[in-house]
Amino acid sequence: MRPMRTISSQSARRIALAAQGFADRAPRTTPTRTHLRRVLSRTQLFQLDSVNVAFRAHYAPLLARLGPYPTRVVDDAAWSDSARRPRMLVEYWAHEASLIPVEDWPLLRFRMRDLERHYREHPRSVLHTSDDAPRIADEVRAAVKEFGPIGAGALERELGRYGDRRTRGTWWDRSDVKRVCEWLFAIGELTTGTRRGFERCYDLPERVLPSSVLTAGEIDTADAVRELTAKAAVALGIATEGDLRDYYRIEPARSKRAVAELVEDGVLEPVAVQGWREQAYRHAAARVPRAVTGRALLCPFDPLIFNRERTRRLFGFHYRIEIYVPASRRTYGYYVFPFLLDGSLVARVDLKSDRTAGVLRVQGAFAEPGVDLGRVAAELAGELRSTAEWLGLGEVVVAEHGDLAGKLRSAVRGR
């Protein structure tokens, strides 16, 4: 039996960055669907989130990896379909709400089955008055078939008698119709046909997904979990079992079995990473670039950093999103983007797109210990100007909050 390889923490970081696409060559032309496909082959998914303080989370991974690009590349891939440009992405629960390749839909049917069983056993998780759920579901299905793609608000109006009825006791305060729509979405009976603004417009899967996906045979749960774990390993490059499990939010017992089988098949290699307390696994095809260069602003939901414990382990970077922290107790700000420079997380900025004033506001700017403040400020200023232009905003305005703010303000002004 061969001794287990030991990998340095620096090499592990470069493996992870390369796996996520940060060692790929930047496009020489305006990014297209081909570039989207390449990034997706790395990340496997794009997380969705409703927060729109700076810009939507699902647009951010491409910006970080490709630079400025037309957002219609994502919109067309996710929410439109034609013979020339078939739908490429579909929404479902992967790592939270996510855009995934349409061909991955069958891999998540086991989750739909699990959720359907859960709802059957715990009907009040759909509605507090559980007897109403089947009746509302029947009417929702019929209305979506007739009017879809359609949002929950429009459905409520169509279904009239349910429109003024509210479910109390949760901070979402969703209507019964919305809750039933989300239940049907979770079990695969509805999906997202399109979005208007950011409103999910429900439609029937048979009108959204290609027939090859709809008619694909049922995949055994263990086989699906193993395939998803392999995809997570591609996306992460090197990871603990917990990292692999988190990527698609797999249950621990299922994940451990999948990892063991992938090791046996030679897809994963057990390795030791210096400074990591847990067993690590390296994907057999993962590469170790000699260096990772370039810069990027990372949305809080970027796949490189959405696992906060892994982010700390890889980069020595303690990060949490402070949206739900009272303003007086926030350390860095409301919606903070870590700044990646030459393979290290060197700073963080609290960003807000102020469309009324036409500016990108840096409400706080903070450097990591030991970095070259002048260089970091100059590189960050360049990235912020590029992002502002991509957003259609006129300038970058830096507030006084944070130890990097002064130098960053000067760099943005070209001093």
Protein backbone atom coordinates (compact mmCIF):
# COMPACT_ATOMS: atom_id res chain seq x y z
CA MET A 1 0.00 0.00 0.00
CA ARG A 2 1.44 3.35 -1.06
CA PRO A 3 1.94 5.97 1.65
CA MET A 4 -0.51 8.86 1.52
CA ARG A 5 0.75 11.91 -0.32
CA THR A 6 1.14 15.15 1.61
CA ILE A 7 0.24 18.38 -0.17
CA SER A 8 1.24 21.82 1.04
CA SER A 9 -1.45 24.29 1.97
CA GLN A 10 -0.23 26.60 -0.83
CA SER A 11 -0.59 23.82 -3.42
CA ALA A 12 -4.05 22.95 -2.08
CA ARG A 13 -5.10 26.56 -2.54
CA ARG A 14 -3.83 26.63 -6.13
CA ILE A 15 -5.63 23.34 -6.86
CA ALA A 16 -8.88 24.81 -5.52
CA LEU A 17 -8.50 28.02 -7.51
CA ALA A 18 -7.73 26.16 -10.72
CA ALA A 19 -10.71 23.87 -10.20
CA GLN A 20 -12.95 26.93 -9.93
CA GLY A 21 -11.59 28.43 -13.15
CA PHE A 22 -9.32 31.13 -11.76
CA ALA A 23 -6.26 29.75 -13.56
CA ASP A 24 -7.96 29.71 -16.98
CA ARG A 25 -6.94 32.13 -19.67
CA ALA A 26 -9.10 35.24 -19.86
CA PRO A 27 -11.24 35.65 -22.99
CA ARG A 28 -9.78 37.79 -25.73
CA THR A 29 -13.22 38.65 -27.07
CA THR A 30 -16.58 39.49 -25.52
CA PRO A 31 -17.62 36.45 -23.48
CA THR A 32 -20.31 34.28 -25.04
CA ARG A 33 -22.33 31.16 -24.25
CA THR A 34 -19.20 29.13 -25.00
CA HIS A 35 -17.39 30.88 -22.16
CA LEU A 36 -20.40 30.34 -19.89
CA ARG A 37 -20.26 26.64 -20.66
CA ARG A 38 -16.57 26.56 -19.77
CA VAL A 39 -17.11 28.26 -16.43
CA LEU A 40 -20.05 25.98 -15.69
CA SER A 41 -17.86 22.94 -16.38
CA ARG A 42 -15.77 24.23 -13.46
CA THR A 43 -18.32 25.48 -10.95
CA GLN A 44 -21.19 23.10 -11.92
CA LEU A 45 -23.80 25.57 -10.58
CA PHE A 46 -24.54 29.22 -9.88
CA GLN A 47 -26.26 30.05 -6.61
CA LEU A 48 -29.32 32.30 -6.72
CA ASP A 49 -30.09 34.87 -4.08
CA SER A 50 -32.72 37.59 -3.76
CA VAL A 51 -30.35 40.29 -2.45
CA ASN A 52 -29.69 42.97 -5.06
CA VAL A 53 -27.62 45.54 -3.19
CA ALA A 54 -24.74 45.50 -5.66
CA PHE A 55 -25.92 43.04 -8.33
CA ARG A 56 -27.53 39.62 -8.46
CA ALA A 57 -25.48 36.71 -7.16
CA HIS A 58 -25.96 34.48 -10.21
CA TYR A 59 -24.26 37.05 -12.46
CA ALA A 60 -21.20 37.32 -10.21
CA PRO A 61 -19.28 34.06 -10.88
CA LEU A 62 -18.93 34.83 -14.58
CA LEU A 63 -17.80 38.39 -13.87
CA ALA A 64 -15.18 37.12 -11.42
CA ARG A 65 -13.82 34.55 -13.89
CA LEU A 66 -14.30 36.21 -17.28
CA GLY A 67 -14.42 39.93 -16.60
CA PRO A 68 -17.22 42.17 -17.94
CA TYR A 69 -19.69 40.26 -20.09
CA PRO A 70 -23.26 40.75 -21.38
CA THR A 71 -25.63 39.53 -18.65
CA ARG A 72 -27.99 38.32 -21.37
CA VAL A 73 -25.57 35.38 -21.73
CA VAL A 74 -26.85 34.09 -18.38
CA ASP A 75 -30.44 35.25 -18.92
CA ASP A 76 -30.73 33.49 -22.28
CA ALA A 77 -29.19 30.29 -20.94
CA ALA A 78 -31.44 30.19 -17.89
CA TRP A 79 -34.79 31.65 -18.90
CA SER A 80 -35.31 31.39 -22.62
CA ASP A 81 -35.39 28.60 -25.15
CA SER A 82 -35.19 28.45 -28.92
CA ALA A 83 -34.05 26.05 -31.62
CA ARG A 84 -30.92 28.14 -32.12
CA ARG A 85 -30.22 28.64 -28.41
CA PRO A 86 -31.76 25.83 -26.38
CA ARG A 87 -32.21 26.32 -22.67
CA MET A 88 -28.96 25.44 -20.93
CA LEU A 89 -29.79 26.01 -17.25
CA VAL A 90 -32.69 25.18 -14.97
CA GLU A 91 -33.46 26.14 -11.37
CA TYR A 92 -33.55 23.73 -8.49
CA TRP A 93 -32.29 23.15 -4.94
CA ALA A 94 -28.61 22.19 -5.31
CA HIS A 95 -26.41 24.30 -3.06
CA GLU A 96 -29.41 26.31 -1.90
CA ALA A 97 -31.47 27.66 -4.82
CA SER A 98 -29.25 27.34 -7.86
CA LEU A 99 -28.99 27.35 -11.61
CA ILE A 100 -27.80 23.94 -12.78
CA PRO A 101 -27.26 22.41 -16.23
CA VAL A 102 -30.54 21.02 -17.56
CA GLU A 103 -28.95 17.60 -17.94
CA ASP A 104 -28.35 17.49 -14.16
CA TRP A 105 -32.09 17.65 -13.39
CA PRO A 106 -32.44 13.81 -13.24
CA LEU A 107 -29.59 13.64 -10.73
CA LEU A 108 -31.71 15.60 -8.27
CA ARG A 109 -34.90 13.60 -8.61
CA PHE A 110 -33.94 11.70 -5.46
CA ARG A 111 -34.19 15.02 -3.60
CA MET A 112 -37.61 15.63 -5.11
CA ARG A 113 -38.67 12.17 -3.89
CA ASP A 114 -37.24 12.85 -0.43
CA LEU A 115 -39.08 16.16 -0.20
CA GLU A 116 -42.32 14.65 -1.45
CA ARG A 117 -42.09 12.01 1.27
CA HIS A 118 -41.31 14.67 3.86
CA TYR A 119 -44.32 16.76 2.87
CA ARG A 120 -46.53 13.68 2.90
CA GLU A 121 -45.40 12.83 6.43
CA HIS A 122 -45.44 16.46 7.63
CA PRO A 123 -48.25 18.18 5.70
CA ARG A 124 -48.23 21.22 7.97
CA SER A 125 -44.81 22.12 6.57
CA VAL A 126 -46.71 23.16 3.44
CA LEU A 127 -49.66 24.94 5.04
CA HIS A 128 -50.69 25.42 8.63
CA THR A 129 -54.16 24.32 7.53
CA SER A 130 -52.87 21.21 5.83
CA ASP A 131 -56.26 20.04 4.51
CA ASP A 132 -56.22 22.96 2.06
CA ALA A 133 -52.91 22.06 0.42
CA PRO A 134 -54.12 19.34 -2.00
CA ARG A 135 -57.04 21.47 -3.17
CA ILE A 136 -54.88 24.56 -3.72
CA ALA A 137 -52.24 22.40 -5.44
CA ASP A 138 -54.81 21.09 -7.93
CA GLU A 139 -55.93 24.61 -8.74
CA VAL A 140 -52.35 25.86 -9.02
CA ARG A 141 -51.44 23.06 -11.45
CA ALA A 142 -54.46 23.82 -13.60
CA ALA A 143 -53.79 27.57 -13.57
CA VAL A 144 -50.11 27.14 -14.42
CA LYS A 145 -51.05 24.82 -17.28
CA GLU A 146 -53.41 27.47 -18.64
CA PHE A 147 -51.50 30.68 -17.92
CA GLY A 148 -47.86 29.74 -17.33
CA PRO A 149 -45.20 30.90 -17.01
CA ILE A 150 -46.84 32.84 -14.22
CA GLY A 151 -45.78 34.39 -10.91
CA ALA A 152 -47.35 33.62 -7.55
CA GLY A 153 -49.00 37.04 -7.33
CA ALA A 154 -50.74 36.58 -10.66
CA LEU A 155 -51.74 33.06 -9.62
CA GLU A 156 -53.32 34.44 -6.46
CA ARG A 157 -55.36 36.84 -8.53
CA GLU A 158 -56.43 34.05 -10.87
CA LEU A 159 -57.39 31.83 -7.95
CA GLY A 160 -59.20 34.75 -6.28
CA ARG A 161 -60.62 33.12 -3.22
CA TYR A 162 -57.15 32.26 -1.89
CA GLY A 163 -55.59 35.59 -2.67
CA ASP A 164 -56.34 37.39 0.58
CA ARG A 165 -55.47 34.51 2.88
CA ARG A 166 -52.13 34.84 4.69
CA THR A 167 -50.04 32.34 6.54
CA ARG A 168 -48.97 33.88 9.82
CA GLY A 169 -46.20 32.91 12.18
CA THR A 170 -43.22 32.93 9.78
CA TRP A 171 -41.13 35.93 8.81
CA TRP A 172 -41.66 35.11 5.13
CA ASP A 173 -45.42 35.74 5.53
CA ARG A 174 -46.02 34.01 2.20
CA SER A 175 -49.49 33.47 0.88
CA ASP A 176 -50.88 29.95 0.77
CA VAL A 177 -50.60 29.97 -3.01
CA LYS A 178 -46.90 30.90 -2.90
CA ARG A 179 -46.19 28.20 -0.35
CA VAL A 180 -47.95 25.59 -2.46
CA CYS A 181 -46.06 26.76 -5.56
CA GLU A 182 -42.78 26.30 -3.71
CA TRP A 183 -43.89 22.86 -2.54
CA LEU A 184 -44.69 21.85 -6.13
CA PHE A 185 -41.36 23.33 -7.25
CA ALA A 186 -39.50 21.33 -4.60
CA ILE A 187 -41.06 18.02 -5.64
CA GLY A 188 -40.48 18.69 -9.33
CA GLU A 189 -44.06 19.25 -10.45
CA LEU A 190 -43.37 22.87 -11.29
CA THR A 191 -40.19 24.61 -12.33
CA THR A 192 -39.16 28.14 -13.30
CA GLY A 193 -40.21 28.98 -16.82
CA THR A 194 -38.73 32.46 -16.75
CA ARG A 195 -38.16 35.36 -14.39
CA ARG A 196 -39.60 38.84 -14.63
CA GLY A 197 -37.36 41.13 -12.68
CA PHE A 198 -36.40 38.54 -10.13
CA GLU A 199 -39.88 37.07 -9.70
CA ARG A 200 -40.00 33.34 -10.31
CA CYS A 201 -42.60 32.52 -12.95
CA TYR A 202 -43.75 28.94 -12.59
CA ASP A 203 -44.32 26.56 -15.48
CA LEU A 204 -44.72 22.86 -16.10
CA PRO A 205 -41.43 20.94 -16.47
CA GLU A 206 -42.59 19.49 -19.80
CA ARG A 207 -42.70 23.03 -21.23
CA VAL A 208 -39.27 23.94 -19.89
CA LEU A 209 -37.02 20.87 -20.00
CA PRO A 210 -35.99 18.98 -23.15
CA SER A 211 -37.67 15.63 -23.77
CA SER A 212 -34.33 13.84 -23.32
CA VAL A 213 -34.27 15.04 -19.70
CA LEU A 214 -37.94 14.40 -19.02
CA THR A 215 -37.81 10.86 -20.37
CA ALA A 216 -34.53 9.92 -18.73
CA GLY A 217 -34.96 6.86 -16.55
CA GLU A 218 -35.01 7.09 -12.78
CA ILE A 219 -31.51 7.15 -11.31
CA ASP A 220 -30.85 5.15 -8.18
CA THR A 221 -30.27 7.46 -5.22
CA ALA A 222 -26.81 6.08 -4.50
CA ASP A 223 -25.77 6.47 -8.15
CA ALA A 224 -27.11 10.05 -8.27
CA VAL A 225 -25.34 11.00 -5.05
CA ARG A 226 -22.09 9.48 -6.31
CA GLU A 227 -22.34 11.47 -9.54
CA LEU A 228 -23.10 14.70 -7.69
CA THR A 229 -20.19 14.06 -5.33
CA ALA A 230 -17.91 13.55 -8.33
CA LYS A 231 -19.15 16.83 -9.79
CA ALA A 232 -18.46 18.55 -6.47
CA ALA A 233 -14.95 17.11 -6.53
CA VAL A 234 -14.41 18.57 -10.01
CA ALA A 235 -15.59 21.96 -8.75
CA LEU A 236 -13.46 21.90 -5.60
CA GLY A 237 -10.34 20.11 -6.82
CA ILE A 238 -9.26 19.17 -3.33
CA ALA A 239 -11.67 18.89 -0.43
CA THR A 240 -12.70 17.18 2.78
CA GLU A 241 -15.71 14.88 2.80
CA GLY A 242 -17.62 17.70 4.48
CA ASP A 243 -16.68 20.10 1.67
CA LEU A 244 -17.87 17.62 -0.95
CA ARG A 245 -21.09 17.00 0.97
CA ASP A 246 -21.83 20.71 1.32
CA TYR A 247 -21.57 21.51 -2.39
CA TYR A 248 -24.88 19.82 -3.18
CA ARG A 249 -26.09 19.59 0.44
CA ILE A 250 -25.95 15.79 0.53
CA GLU A 251 -26.84 13.90 3.71
CA PRO A 252 -23.74 12.70 5.64
CA ALA A 253 -24.33 8.94 5.37
CA ARG A 254 -24.96 9.13 1.64
CA SER A 255 -21.94 11.40 1.13
CA LYS A 256 -19.54 9.16 3.04
CA ARG A 257 -20.61 6.15 1.02
CA ALA A 258 -20.18 8.06 -2.24
CA VAL A 259 -16.72 9.30 -1.28
CA ALA A 260 -15.60 5.78 -0.36
CA GLU A 261 -16.83 4.44 -3.70
CA LEU A 262 -15.14 7.24 -5.65
CA VAL A 263 -11.87 6.47 -3.84
CA GLU A 264 -12.25 2.80 -4.74
CA ASP A 265 -12.90 3.78 -8.37
CA GLY A 266 -9.81 5.99 -8.49
CA VAL A 267 -11.77 9.20 -9.04
CA LEU A 268 -10.66 10.56 -5.67
CA GLU A 269 -7.23 10.21 -4.11
CA PRO A 270 -6.96 10.46 -0.32
CA VAL A 271 -4.25 12.98 0.55
CA ALA A 272 -3.01 14.87 3.59
CA VAL A 273 -2.95 18.66 3.39
CA GLN A 274 -0.61 20.51 5.70
CA GLY A 275 -2.61 22.38 8.32
CA TRP A 276 -5.87 20.53 7.62
CA ARG A 277 -7.14 18.44 10.50
CA GLU A 278 -9.50 16.36 8.39
CA GLN A 279 -8.78 13.83 5.66
CA ALA A 280 -8.61 15.45 2.23
CA TYR A 281 -9.44 14.07 -1.21
CA ARG A 282 -7.99 15.23 -4.50
CA HIS A 283 -9.83 14.72 -7.76
CA ALA A 284 -7.72 12.59 -10.09
CA ALA A 285 -7.89 15.20 -12.87
CA ALA A 286 -7.21 18.23 -10.65
CA ARG A 287 -4.21 20.25 -11.72
CA VAL A 288 -1.75 22.28 -9.68
CA PRO A 289 -0.77 25.49 -11.48
CA ARG A 290 2.58 26.96 -10.58
CA ALA A 291 0.90 30.26 -9.82
CA VAL A 292 -2.53 31.85 -9.99
CA THR A 293 -2.58 35.47 -11.06
CA GLY A 294 -5.26 38.06 -11.69
CA ARG A 295 -7.90 39.77 -9.63
CA ALA A 296 -11.60 39.38 -8.92
CA LEU A 297 -14.34 40.62 -6.63
CA LEU A 298 -16.16 37.65 -5.12
CA CYS A 299 -19.86 37.82 -4.37
CA PRO A 300 -20.76 36.35 -0.95
CA PHE A 301 -22.39 33.42 -2.79
CA ASP A 302 -19.54 32.65 -5.18
CA PRO A 303 -18.84 28.88 -5.21
CA LEU A 304 -15.21 29.52 -4.26
CA ILE A 305 -16.22 30.96 -0.89
CA PHE A 306 -19.82 30.02 -0.07
CA ASN A 307 -18.54 27.37 2.34
CA ARG A 308 -17.18 29.71 5.02
CA GLU A 309 -15.24 27.07 6.98
CA ARG A 310 -13.48 25.93 3.80
CA THR A 311 -12.69 29.56 2.95
CA ARG A 312 -10.97 29.95 6.29
CA ARG A 313 -9.06 26.70 5.83
CA LEU A 314 -7.91 27.52 2.29
CA PHE A 315 -7.18 31.21 2.62
CA GLY A 316 -6.89 31.93 6.34
CA PHE A 317 -9.79 34.31 5.73
CA HIS A 318 -12.59 34.58 8.28
CA TYR A 319 -15.74 35.59 6.44
CA ARG A 320 -19.40 35.79 7.21
CA ILE A 321 -22.22 37.67 5.60
CA GLU A 322 -23.59 40.34 7.92
CA ILE A 323 -26.92 41.10 6.25
CA TYR A 324 -28.82 39.75 9.23
CA VAL A 325 -26.53 41.34 11.82
CA PRO A 326 -27.82 44.62 13.32
CA ALA A 327 -25.98 47.57 11.77
CA SER A 328 -24.37 48.54 15.07
CA ARG A 329 -22.79 45.09 15.39
CA ARG A 330 -21.45 44.68 11.86
CA THR A 331 -17.69 44.47 11.50
CA TYR A 332 -17.31 45.03 7.78
CA GLY A 333 -20.72 45.95 6.37
CA TYR A 334 -23.98 44.80 4.89
CA TYR A 335 -22.95 43.10 1.62
CA VAL A 336 -19.22 42.50 1.54
CA PHE A 337 -17.20 41.24 -1.43
CA PRO A 338 -13.81 39.63 -0.69
CA PHE A 339 -11.10 40.72 -3.13
CA LEU A 340 -8.98 37.98 -4.73
CA LEU A 341 -5.55 39.05 -5.95
CA ASP A 342 -2.96 36.65 -7.35
CA GLY A 343 -4.44 33.69 -5.51
CA SER A 344 -4.94 35.32 -2.11
CA LEU A 345 -7.87 37.03 -0.44
CA VAL A 346 -6.29 40.38 0.38
CA ALA A 347 -9.18 42.75 1.15
CA ARG A 348 -12.94 43.14 1.40
CA VAL A 349 -15.33 45.88 0.33
CA ASP A 350 -18.93 46.63 1.27
CA LEU A 351 -20.56 47.47 -2.07
CA LYS A 352 -23.79 49.11 -3.09
CA SER A 353 -25.02 50.07 -6.56
CA ASP A 354 -26.63 53.48 -6.20
CA ARG A 355 -28.52 53.69 -9.48
CA THR A 356 -30.27 56.91 -8.56
CA ALA A 357 -26.95 58.71 -8.20
CA GLY A 358 -25.29 56.62 -10.90
CA VAL A 359 -22.38 55.49 -8.72
CA LEU A 360 -20.93 52.32 -7.23
CA ARG A 361 -20.54 53.01 -3.54
CA VAL A 362 -17.78 51.45 -1.46
CA GLN A 363 -19.28 51.84 1.99
CA GLY A 364 -16.29 50.22 3.66
CA ALA A 365 -12.87 48.96 2.55
CA PHE A 366 -10.64 46.72 4.66
CA ALA A 367 -7.24 45.16 4.03
CA GLU A 368 -6.05 41.81 5.32
CA PRO A 369 -3.04 41.85 7.66
CA GLY A 370 0.38 42.07 6.04
CA VAL A 371 -0.65 43.02 2.51
CA ASP A 372 0.95 45.76 0.42
CA LEU A 373 -1.69 48.45 0.92
CA GLY A 374 -0.59 50.54 -2.06
CA ARG A 375 -0.69 47.65 -4.53
CA VAL A 376 -3.93 46.24 -3.16
CA ALA A 377 -5.59 49.65 -3.36
CA ALA A 378 -4.42 50.17 -6.95
CA GLU A 379 -5.60 46.74 -8.12
CA LEU A 380 -8.87 47.00 -6.25
CA ALA A 381 -9.52 50.45 -7.69
CA GLY A 382 -9.06 49.05 -11.18
CA GLU A 383 -11.48 46.20 -10.50
CA LEU A 384 -14.06 48.55 -8.99
CA ARG A 385 -13.91 50.90 -11.97
CA SER A 386 -14.36 47.94 -14.32
CA THR A 387 -17.32 46.68 -12.29
CA ALA A 388 -18.94 50.12 -12.21
CA GLU A 389 -18.66 50.39 -15.98
CA TRP A 390 -20.14 46.89 -16.38
CA LEU A 391 -23.06 47.96 -14.20
CA GLY A 392 -23.59 51.11 -16.23
CA LEU A 393 -22.59 53.35 -13.33
CA GLY A 394 -20.57 56.49 -13.82
CA GLU A 395 -18.03 56.39 -11.02
CA VAL A 396 -16.82 54.74 -7.84
CA VAL A 397 -17.34 56.61 -4.57
CA VAL A 398 -15.37 55.44 -1.53
CA ALA A 399 -16.62 56.23 1.98
CA GLU A 400 -14.30 56.66 4.95
CA HIS A 401 -15.04 53.39 6.75
CA GLY A 402 -12.16 50.90 6.93
CA ASP A 403 -8.38 50.86 7.07
CA LEU A 404 -8.05 50.64 3.28
CA ALA A 405 -10.52 53.41 2.51
CA GLY A 406 -8.07 56.31 2.32
CA LYS A 407 -5.62 54.64 -0.06
CA LEU A 408 -8.45 53.18 -2.10
CA ARG A 409 -10.09 56.59 -2.48
CA SER A 410 -6.82 58.06 -3.72
CA ALA A 411 -6.32 55.16 -6.13
CA VAL A 412 -9.84 55.49 -7.52
CA ARG A 413 -9.19 59.19 -8.12
CA GLY A 414 -5.91 58.37 -9.83
CA ARG A 415 -3.65 60.04 -7.27
